[in-house]
Amino acid sequence: FFMLAMVIGIFFKVTILFYAATIGTANLFKIKSPSMLSYPLGIVILFLSVTIASNFQEHLHEGLYIAKFILHIPLFTIIPPILLFIASLQKRKSHGSKHI
């Protein structure tokens, strides 16, 4: 029962993430029909899932060590303060122009 629940949970997680990627890509490139992107994005995801890690040990190594420095540190510690600074500058600029 545990394995069945895990498989079903992973299926729904991948489905929701794929849907979000499709909608996000369609919005990014201003494509009116996101369903046109489902096959191309599916092929990209399939190709990347096969080529990223050839076995489980390599998958763990990439997830624990490589992704930490390439993804986690920039996305969670460097980029948010920069975006906060830019947003505060824009807010200050917009409030300053309203009073003139």
C-alpha atoms as a PDB file:
ATOM      1  CA  PHE A   1       0.000   0.000   0.000  1.00  0.00           C
ATOM      2  CA  PHE A   2       2.868   2.352   0.788  1.00  0.00           C
ATOM      3  CA  MET A   3       4.487   1.889  -2.623  1.00  0.00           C
ATOM      4  CA  LEU A   4       1.146   2.356  -4.375  1.00  0.00           C
ATOM      5  CA  ALA A   5       0.584   5.600  -2.479  1.00  0.00           C
ATOM      6  CA  MET A   6       4.100   6.760  -3.398  1.00  0.00           C
ATOM      7  CA  VAL A   7       3.589   6.023  -7.099  1.00  0.00           C
ATOM      8  CA  ILE A   8       0.222   7.784  -7.157  1.00  0.00           C
ATOM      9  CA  GLY A   9       1.640  10.760  -5.247  1.00  0.00           C
ATOM     10  CA  ILE A  10       4.629  11.069  -7.568  1.00  0.00           C
ATOM     11  CA  PHE A  11       2.337  10.826 -10.598  1.00  0.00           C
ATOM     12  CA  PHE A  12       0.221  13.726  -9.348  1.00  0.00           C
ATOM     13  CA  LYS A  13       3.304  15.751  -8.419  1.00  0.00           C
ATOM     14  CA  VAL A  14       4.836  15.321 -11.872  1.00  0.00           C
ATOM     15  CA  THR A  15       1.487  16.080 -13.517  1.00  0.00           C
ATOM     16  CA  ILE A  16       1.057  19.333 -11.591  1.00  0.00           C
ATOM     17  CA  LEU A  17       4.659  20.413 -12.223  1.00  0.00           C
ATOM     18  CA  PHE A  18       4.337  19.608 -15.938  1.00  0.00           C
ATOM     19  CA  TYR A  19       1.082  21.577 -16.127  1.00  0.00           C
ATOM     20  CA  ALA A  20       2.717  24.539 -14.379  1.00  0.00           C
ATOM     21  CA  ALA A  21       5.712  24.376 -16.744  1.00  0.00           C
ATOM     22  CA  THR A  22       3.408  24.302 -19.756  1.00  0.00           C
ATOM     23  CA  ILE A  23       1.286  27.234 -18.559  1.00  0.00           C
ATOM     24  CA  GLY A  24       4.356  29.212 -17.487  1.00  0.00           C
ATOM     25  CA  THR A  25       6.118  28.665 -20.803  1.00  0.00           C
ATOM     26  CA  ALA A  26       2.982  29.644 -22.714  1.00  0.00           C
ATOM     27  CA  ASN A  27       2.702  32.853 -20.679  1.00  0.00           C
ATOM     28  CA  LEU A  28       6.408  33.599 -21.070  1.00  0.00           C
ATOM     29  CA  PHE A  29       6.317  33.308 -24.857  1.00  0.00           C
ATOM     30  CA  LYS A  30       2.750  34.696 -25.165  1.00  0.00           C
ATOM     31  CA  ILE A  31       1.374  31.540 -26.798  1.00  0.00           C
ATOM     32  CA  LYS A  32      -2.421  31.546 -26.809  1.00  0.00           C
ATOM     33  CA  SER A  33      -2.833  27.760 -26.690  1.00  0.00           C
ATOM     34  CA  PRO A  34      -0.680  26.108 -23.997  1.00  0.00           C
ATOM     35  CA  SER A  35      -1.687  22.660 -25.265  1.00  0.00           C
ATOM     36  CA  MET A  36       0.586  23.233 -28.281  1.00  0.00           C
ATOM     37  CA  LEU A  37       3.556  23.075 -25.908  1.00  0.00           C
ATOM     38  CA  SER A  38       2.701  19.806 -24.189  1.00  0.00           C
ATOM     39  CA  TYR A  39       4.454  17.516 -26.687  1.00  0.00           C
ATOM     40  CA  PRO A  40       7.611  19.614 -27.105  1.00  0.00           C
ATOM     41  CA  LEU A  41       7.969  20.104 -23.334  1.00  0.00           C
ATOM     42  CA  GLY A  42       7.251  16.423 -22.755  1.00  0.00           C
ATOM     43  CA  ILE A  43      10.021  15.443 -25.162  1.00  0.00           C
ATOM     44  CA  VAL A  44      12.451  17.855 -23.477  1.00  0.00           C
ATOM     45  CA  ILE A  45      11.587  16.469 -20.031  1.00  0.00           C
ATOM     46  CA  LEU A  46      11.899  12.886 -21.272  1.00  0.00           C
ATOM     47  CA  PHE A  47      15.293  13.602 -22.844  1.00  0.00           C
ATOM     48  CA  LEU A  48      16.575  15.389 -19.737  1.00  0.00           C
ATOM     49  CA  SER A  49      15.321  12.659 -17.404  1.00  0.00           C
ATOM     50  CA  VAL A  50      17.306  10.074 -19.332  1.00  0.00           C
ATOM     51  CA  THR A  51      20.511  12.103 -19.691  1.00  0.00           C
ATOM     52  CA  ILE A  52      20.835  13.870 -16.339  1.00  0.00           C
ATOM     53  CA  ALA A  53      21.758  10.825 -14.243  1.00  0.00           C
ATOM     54  CA  SER A  54      22.519   7.359 -15.498  1.00  0.00           C
ATOM     55  CA  ASN A  55      22.044   5.625 -12.129  1.00  0.00           C
ATOM     56  CA  PHE A  56      20.716   6.273  -8.630  1.00  0.00           C
ATOM     57  CA  GLN A  57      24.112   7.044  -7.077  1.00  0.00           C
ATOM     58  CA  GLU A  58      24.806   9.682  -9.703  1.00  0.00           C
ATOM     59  CA  HIS A  59      21.322  11.091  -9.136  1.00  0.00           C
ATOM     60  CA  LEU A  60      21.982  11.416  -5.386  1.00  0.00           C
ATOM     61  CA  HIS A  61      25.383  13.008  -5.953  1.00  0.00           C
ATOM     62  CA  GLU A  62      23.954  15.577  -8.361  1.00  0.00           C
ATOM     63  CA  GLY A  63      21.023  16.323  -6.070  1.00  0.00           C
ATOM     64  CA  LEU A  64      23.017  16.664  -2.859  1.00  0.00           C
ATOM     65  CA  TYR A  65      26.201  18.334  -4.042  1.00  0.00           C
ATOM     66  CA  ILE A  66      25.973  19.802  -7.521  1.00  0.00           C
ATOM     67  CA  ALA A  67      22.428  21.183  -7.415  1.00  0.00           C
ATOM     68  CA  LYS A  68      23.156  22.815  -4.062  1.00  0.00           C
ATOM     69  CA  PHE A  69      25.707  25.153  -5.586  1.00  0.00           C
ATOM     70  CA  ILE A  70      24.164  25.612  -9.020  1.00  0.00           C
ATOM     71  CA  LEU A  71      20.498  25.950  -8.032  1.00  0.00           C
ATOM     72  CA  HIS A  72      19.864  26.301  -4.314  1.00  0.00           C
ATOM     73  CA  ILE A  73      22.399  28.923  -3.301  1.00  0.00           C
ATOM     74  CA  PRO A  74      21.645  31.330  -6.176  1.00  0.00           C
ATOM     75  CA  LEU A  75      17.876  30.807  -6.209  1.00  0.00           C
ATOM     76  CA  PHE A  76      17.342  30.936  -2.445  1.00  0.00           C
ATOM     77  CA  THR A  77      20.065  33.244  -1.129  1.00  0.00           C
ATOM     78  CA  ILE A  78      21.359  35.518  -3.888  1.00  0.00           C
ATOM     79  CA  ILE A  79      18.454  36.288  -6.222  1.00  0.00           C
ATOM     80  CA  PRO A  80      15.712  37.079  -3.607  1.00  0.00           C
ATOM     81  CA  PRO A  81      17.634  39.953  -1.952  1.00  0.00           C
ATOM     82  CA  ILE A  82      18.434  41.388  -5.380  1.00  0.00           C
ATOM     83  CA  LEU A  83      14.752  41.214  -6.369  1.00  0.00           C
ATOM     84  CA  LEU A  84      13.723  42.779  -3.050  1.00  0.00           C
ATOM     85  CA  PHE A  85      16.162  45.632  -3.622  1.00  0.00           C
ATOM     86  CA  ILE A  86      14.859  46.191  -7.169  1.00  0.00           C
ATOM     87  CA  ALA A  87      11.233  46.101  -5.951  1.00  0.00           C
ATOM     88  CA  SER A  88      11.981  48.626  -3.213  1.00  0.00           C
ATOM     89  CA  LEU A  89      13.649  50.931  -5.738  1.00  0.00           C
ATOM     90  CA  GLN A  90      10.661  50.671  -8.067  1.00  0.00           C
ATOM     91  CA  LYS A  91       8.235  51.299  -5.201  1.00  0.00           C
ATOM     92  CA  ARG A  92      10.213  54.324  -4.047  1.00  0.00           C
ATOM     93  CA  LYS A  93      10.364  55.611  -7.631  1.00  0.00           C
ATOM     94  CA  SER A  94       6.611  55.153  -8.173  1.00  0.00           C
ATOM     95  CA  HIS A  95       5.732  56.863  -4.879  1.00  0.00           C
ATOM     96  CA  GLY A  96       8.079  59.739  -5.698  1.00  0.00           C
ATOM     97  CA  SER A  97       6.532  60.380  -9.102  1.00  0.00           C
ATOM     98  CA  LYS A  98       2.959  60.494  -7.719  1.00  0.00           C
ATOM     99  CA  HIS A  99       3.735  63.435  -5.450  1.00  0.00           C
ATOM    100  CA  ILE A 100       5.122  65.602  -8.240  1.00  0.00           C
END
